Every structure is written in structure tokens, then in C-alpha cells.
Amino acid sequence: MNPDSPATGRHTLWSRLAWLGVYAVAMGLLEAICVVYLRRLLPLDTGSPIAGLEKLRIEIPREICTIVMLVAVAWLSGVNVRTRVAAFFFAFGIWDILYYIGLWWWAGWPESLWTWDCLFLIPQPWYGPVLAPVLISLYFILGCCWLWWAEQEQPVRWTSVLVFSQLLAFALWFWSFVQDSHAISVHGYKGVTYSWWLLVLGGLVGAAGLWHGWRKTFRR
């Protein structure tokens, strides 16, 4: 990619990212509004484990549609595979944070960043305090802004170490959310402690991978 060409110049790339951020903000707030309506129409508690027919008919399709929407807009925003992947996680991070801000603003939930939530249902329920996905989303936003900037200066090499580190970080985060999912689904959140060390370890692994990719790139 030539960052100085008319189609992919620096101004154009950052403009795309800015509009993607606007979209993600609106999408997060809109989904929060939908959840507020669902809470009023159905006997569901936002922060409690969701079970039964409502989960299959409403929650899982809603989550699938959310991911499809983020993938579609990321594909339109990026100019190659690297920027499209970065755009997806950038939009995901903003959407996730604004979703919780919207719920707090309109429904008074979560009461704090330490409030537990059912974060996702695919392929099995994910549970954790709200602060955990917010921190991961911040990592997505900052990391992807850095990758987007690097794409215009000297694109970061996607080495095997870089890719593996991000996958390992995601695996650690995923395990931190699902390791107690069965017990929580049966007994609720009482007596459950979130494994913050898995979240921190995942963040360190991911950041180290980005650093390795940056060093490999600028040593060329």
C-alpha cells in the first residue's frame, strides 16, 4: 500500500478510522437501547445468567448480528487485510465500551465496573466483571490505532510470533471468562472470583507480541 496515493493517503485512512469510530459509538448506544427495551419486555436481568428459550431465540442471533455488522463495516473501512483486521477490533472495542456506558446511562446498570455480567453466549456463556472486557477493549483500541498508524509509515510484519501472541492472549482472556461458566449458570455469581491474573497475563503476552512485530519491522 502506498500511503501517499490519492485512494489511500494518510488523511483518507485516518478519516476512515474516525468515521468507523462514529459508527461504533452509535452501534454501542443503539444496542444498549435495545437491551433496555428487552429488559422491559422480557423477565430478564441484564447481569444475570440467561437461560431458556429467550437465549436461543433472541440473545444468540443478536450476538451473531453484532459480529456480522462489525465485520462488514471493518471490511469497508480497511484497505488491506491488516487494516481490516485492525478496523474490526477497533470498532469492537468502542462498541463494547459504549454499550456499557449506554446501559449505565439509561438503565443505571452496571452499578460499578466490578459488577458481574454475562458477556457473551457463543460458543458457551462468558462471565466476568464489567471492568475486564472494558480493559480488553481499551487494548483493542490502542493496539489497532498503533497498527493503523504503522500501516502509513512502515507496515508491521505479521510474523508468526505476532500472530501467535495475539491468539494466545485471546485464549487466556477467553478461559478467564468461561472457566466458571457452568457453575455460574447453575448457582449464580455467589462465591465466584474472577481470575485477574489471566487477564493481566493475556495483556502482557499480547503487548509483547506487538512489540516484537514492531522491532522486526523497523529492523528490515
Protein backbone atom coordinates (compact mmCIF):
# COMPACT_ATOMS: atom_id res chain seq x y z
CA MET A 1 0.00 0.00 0.00
CA ASN A 2 1.24 3.43 -0.92
CA PRO A 3 0.19 5.81 1.88
CA ASP A 4 0.70 8.84 -0.36
CA SER A 5 -1.59 7.68 -3.17
CA PRO A 6 -4.92 9.54 -3.56
CA ALA A 7 -7.01 6.50 -2.60
CA THR A 8 -5.06 5.52 0.50
CA GLY A 9 -3.42 8.73 1.68
CA ARG A 10 -2.85 9.39 5.34
CA HIS A 11 -5.73 11.84 5.62
CA THR A 12 -8.09 9.37 3.95
CA LEU A 13 -7.04 6.48 6.18
CA TRP A 14 -7.49 8.45 9.40
CA SER A 15 -10.80 9.80 8.10
CA ARG A 16 -11.97 6.24 7.56
CA LEU A 17 -10.94 5.30 11.08
CA ALA A 18 -12.70 8.34 12.52
CA TRP A 19 -15.96 7.51 10.75
CA LEU A 20 -15.61 3.91 11.86
CA GLY A 21 -15.35 5.19 15.43
CA VAL A 22 -18.53 7.25 14.97
CA TYR A 23 -20.32 4.16 13.69
CA ALA A 24 -19.11 2.05 16.61
CA VAL A 25 -20.26 4.66 19.14
CA ALA A 26 -23.74 4.79 17.59
CA MET A 27 -23.89 0.99 17.36
CA GLY A 28 -22.94 0.55 21.01
CA LEU A 29 -25.53 3.04 22.21
CA LEU A 30 -28.19 1.57 19.93
CA GLU A 31 -27.56 -1.93 21.28
CA ALA A 32 -27.78 -0.61 24.83
CA ILE A 33 -31.18 0.88 23.97
CA CYS A 34 -32.30 -2.48 22.52
CA VAL A 35 -31.25 -4.27 25.71
CA VAL A 36 -33.15 -1.74 27.84
CA TYR A 37 -36.28 -2.48 25.80
CA LEU A 38 -35.70 -6.24 26.08
CA ARG A 39 -35.40 -5.96 29.85
CA ARG A 40 -38.78 -4.24 29.95
CA LEU A 41 -40.45 -6.70 27.58
CA LEU A 42 -38.93 -9.92 28.96
CA PRO A 43 -38.31 -11.01 32.56
CA LEU A 44 -34.52 -10.93 32.14
CA ASP A 45 -31.88 -9.34 34.34
CA THR A 46 -29.03 -7.81 32.31
CA GLY A 47 -26.35 -9.01 34.68
CA SER A 48 -27.75 -12.45 35.47
CA PRO A 49 -27.19 -15.75 33.67
CA ILE A 50 -29.71 -16.05 30.83
CA ALA A 51 -31.34 -19.41 30.19
CA GLY A 52 -34.24 -20.88 28.29
CA LEU A 53 -35.96 -20.09 25.04
CA GLU A 54 -35.16 -16.36 25.12
CA LYS A 55 -31.43 -17.08 24.97
CA LEU A 56 -31.78 -19.22 21.85
CA ARG A 57 -34.28 -17.03 20.04
CA ILE A 58 -33.03 -13.55 20.89
CA GLU A 59 -29.62 -13.32 22.53
CA ILE A 60 -27.57 -15.61 20.29
CA PRO A 61 -28.95 -14.19 17.00
CA ARG A 62 -28.37 -10.68 18.38
CA GLU A 63 -24.73 -11.50 19.11
CA ILE A 64 -24.24 -13.06 15.66
CA CYS A 65 -25.73 -9.98 14.00
CA THR A 66 -23.46 -7.72 16.06
CA ILE A 67 -20.32 -9.55 14.89
CA VAL A 68 -21.52 -9.58 11.26
CA MET A 69 -22.15 -5.83 11.38
CA LEU A 70 -18.69 -5.17 12.82
CA VAL A 71 -17.02 -7.41 10.23
CA ALA A 72 -18.88 -5.73 7.37
CA VAL A 73 -18.04 -2.17 8.38
CA ALA A 74 -14.42 -3.13 9.15
CA TRP A 75 -14.08 -4.61 5.67
CA LEU A 76 -15.37 -1.39 4.12
CA SER A 77 -13.11 0.77 6.30
CA GLY A 78 -9.81 -1.02 5.69
CA VAL A 79 -7.74 -1.14 2.51
CA ASN A 80 -6.00 -4.50 3.04
CA VAL A 81 -6.11 -7.48 5.37
CA ARG A 82 -4.02 -5.77 8.08
CA THR A 83 -6.13 -2.62 8.25
CA ARG A 84 -9.38 -4.56 8.06
CA VAL A 85 -8.44 -6.77 10.99
CA ALA A 86 -7.33 -3.68 12.93
CA ALA A 87 -10.56 -1.90 11.99
CA PHE A 88 -12.66 -4.79 13.31
CA PHE A 89 -11.04 -4.82 16.74
CA PHE A 90 -11.02 -1.01 16.88
CA ALA A 91 -14.77 -0.92 16.24
CA PHE A 92 -15.37 -3.85 18.60
CA GLY A 93 -13.57 -2.07 21.44
CA ILE A 94 -15.51 1.17 21.02
CA TRP A 95 -18.83 -0.63 20.61
CA ASP A 96 -18.25 -2.68 23.77
CA ILE A 97 -17.36 0.31 25.95
CA LEU A 98 -20.21 2.48 24.64
CA TYR A 99 -22.63 -0.39 25.15
CA TYR A 100 -21.91 -0.39 28.89
CA ILE A 101 -21.95 3.40 29.06
CA GLY A 102 -25.37 3.38 27.40
CA LEU A 103 -26.74 0.77 29.81
CA TRP A 104 -25.43 2.73 32.78
CA TRP A 105 -26.88 5.99 31.45
CA TRP A 106 -30.37 4.71 30.60
CA ALA A 107 -30.85 1.80 33.00
CA GLY A 108 -28.50 2.54 35.89
CA TRP A 109 -26.67 -0.74 35.27
CA PRO A 110 -23.95 -1.80 35.88
CA GLU A 111 -23.77 -0.29 39.33
CA SER A 112 -19.96 -0.32 39.13
CA LEU A 113 -17.14 -1.67 36.98
CA TRP A 114 -16.92 -4.61 39.39
CA THR A 115 -20.47 -5.77 38.61
CA TRP A 116 -20.59 -9.21 37.03
CA ASP A 117 -22.19 -9.70 33.62
CA CYS A 118 -22.94 -12.43 31.11
CA LEU A 119 -20.66 -11.06 28.41
CA PHE A 120 -21.25 -13.43 25.51
CA LEU A 121 -23.00 -16.72 24.76
CA ILE A 122 -21.04 -18.18 21.84
CA PRO A 123 -19.86 -20.94 21.99
CA GLN A 124 -20.72 -21.02 25.70
CA PRO A 125 -21.57 -18.34 28.26
CA TRP A 126 -18.79 -15.90 29.16
CA TYR A 127 -18.92 -14.32 32.64
CA GLY A 128 -16.85 -11.67 34.34
CA PRO A 129 -16.85 -8.23 35.98
CA VAL A 130 -17.55 -5.39 33.55
CA LEU A 131 -14.09 -3.92 34.09
CA ALA A 132 -12.45 -6.96 32.44
CA PRO A 133 -13.97 -6.60 28.93
CA VAL A 134 -13.57 -2.82 29.15
CA LEU A 135 -9.81 -3.21 29.73
CA ILE A 136 -9.56 -5.68 26.85
CA SER A 137 -11.48 -3.28 24.63
CA LEU A 138 -9.04 -0.49 25.51
CA TYR A 139 -6.22 -2.82 24.45
CA PHE A 140 -8.00 -3.39 21.13
CA ILE A 141 -8.47 0.34 20.53
CA LEU A 142 -4.92 1.39 21.40
CA GLY A 143 -3.27 -1.56 19.66
CA CYS A 144 -5.26 -1.10 16.49
CA CYS A 145 -4.64 2.66 16.37
CA TRP A 146 -0.93 1.88 16.59
CA LEU A 147 -1.19 -0.70 13.79
CA TRP A 148 -3.18 1.76 11.68
CA TRP A 149 -0.50 4.41 12.19
CA ALA A 150 2.27 1.92 11.37
CA GLU A 151 0.49 0.98 8.15
CA GLN A 152 1.13 4.51 6.88
CA GLU A 153 4.76 4.68 7.98
CA GLN A 154 6.12 1.14 7.60
CA PRO A 155 3.57 -1.69 7.82
CA VAL A 156 4.20 -4.03 10.74
CA ARG A 157 5.25 -7.51 9.69
CA TRP A 158 2.72 -10.09 10.76
CA THR A 159 5.27 -12.60 11.98
CA SER A 160 4.31 -15.96 13.43
CA VAL A 161 5.27 -14.62 16.87
CA LEU A 162 2.96 -11.62 16.48
CA VAL A 163 0.00 -13.71 15.34
CA PHE A 164 0.56 -16.46 17.93
CA SER A 165 0.88 -13.93 20.77
CA GLN A 166 -2.47 -12.33 19.91
CA LEU A 167 -4.16 -15.74 19.67
CA LEU A 168 -2.63 -16.81 22.99
CA ALA A 169 -3.76 -13.57 24.63
CA PHE A 170 -7.29 -14.16 23.37
CA ALA A 171 -7.19 -17.77 24.63
CA LEU A 172 -6.15 -16.60 28.11
CA TRP A 173 -8.91 -13.99 28.18
CA PHE A 174 -11.46 -16.50 26.90
CA TRP A 175 -10.52 -19.01 29.60
CA SER A 176 -10.78 -16.32 32.30
CA PHE A 177 -14.41 -15.78 31.26
CA VAL A 178 -15.58 -19.36 30.74
CA GLN A 179 -13.72 -21.39 33.37
CA ASP A 180 -16.59 -21.00 35.86
CA SER A 181 -19.42 -20.71 33.32
CA HIS A 182 -21.12 -23.99 34.26
CA ALA A 183 -21.09 -23.25 37.99
CA ILE A 184 -22.37 -19.71 37.41
CA SER A 185 -25.14 -20.92 35.08
CA VAL A 186 -26.31 -23.30 37.81
CA HIS A 187 -25.64 -21.42 41.05
CA GLY A 188 -25.20 -17.77 40.06
CA TYR A 189 -22.30 -15.46 40.88
CA LYS A 190 -22.15 -16.17 44.59
CA GLY A 191 -18.70 -17.23 45.72
CA VAL A 192 -17.12 -16.80 42.26
CA THR A 193 -13.82 -14.91 41.91
CA TYR A 194 -12.59 -13.65 38.57
CA SER A 195 -9.04 -14.69 37.56
CA TRP A 196 -7.49 -11.26 37.07
CA TRP A 197 -4.06 -12.83 36.64
CA LEU A 198 -5.25 -14.44 33.39
CA LEU A 199 -6.38 -11.05 32.08
CA VAL A 200 -3.07 -9.40 33.00
CA LEU A 201 -1.04 -12.27 31.56
CA GLY A 202 -3.01 -12.09 28.32
CA GLY A 203 -2.40 -8.35 28.09
CA LEU A 204 1.34 -8.78 28.65
CA VAL A 205 1.57 -11.56 26.05
CA GLY A 206 -0.36 -9.51 23.51
CA ALA A 207 1.66 -6.34 24.09
CA ALA A 208 4.92 -8.31 23.88
CA GLY A 209 3.81 -9.71 20.53
CA LEU A 210 3.07 -6.25 19.19
CA TRP A 211 6.46 -5.04 20.38
CA HIS A 212 8.16 -7.99 18.69
CA GLY A 213 6.37 -7.24 15.42
CA TRP A 214 7.38 -3.59 15.61
CA ARG A 215 11.05 -4.45 16.22
CA LYS A 216 11.10 -6.92 13.34
CA THR A 217 9.53 -4.34 11.06
CA PHE A 218 11.94 -1.50 11.75
CA ARG A 219 14.99 -3.75 11.64
CA ARG A 220 14.31 -4.53 7.99
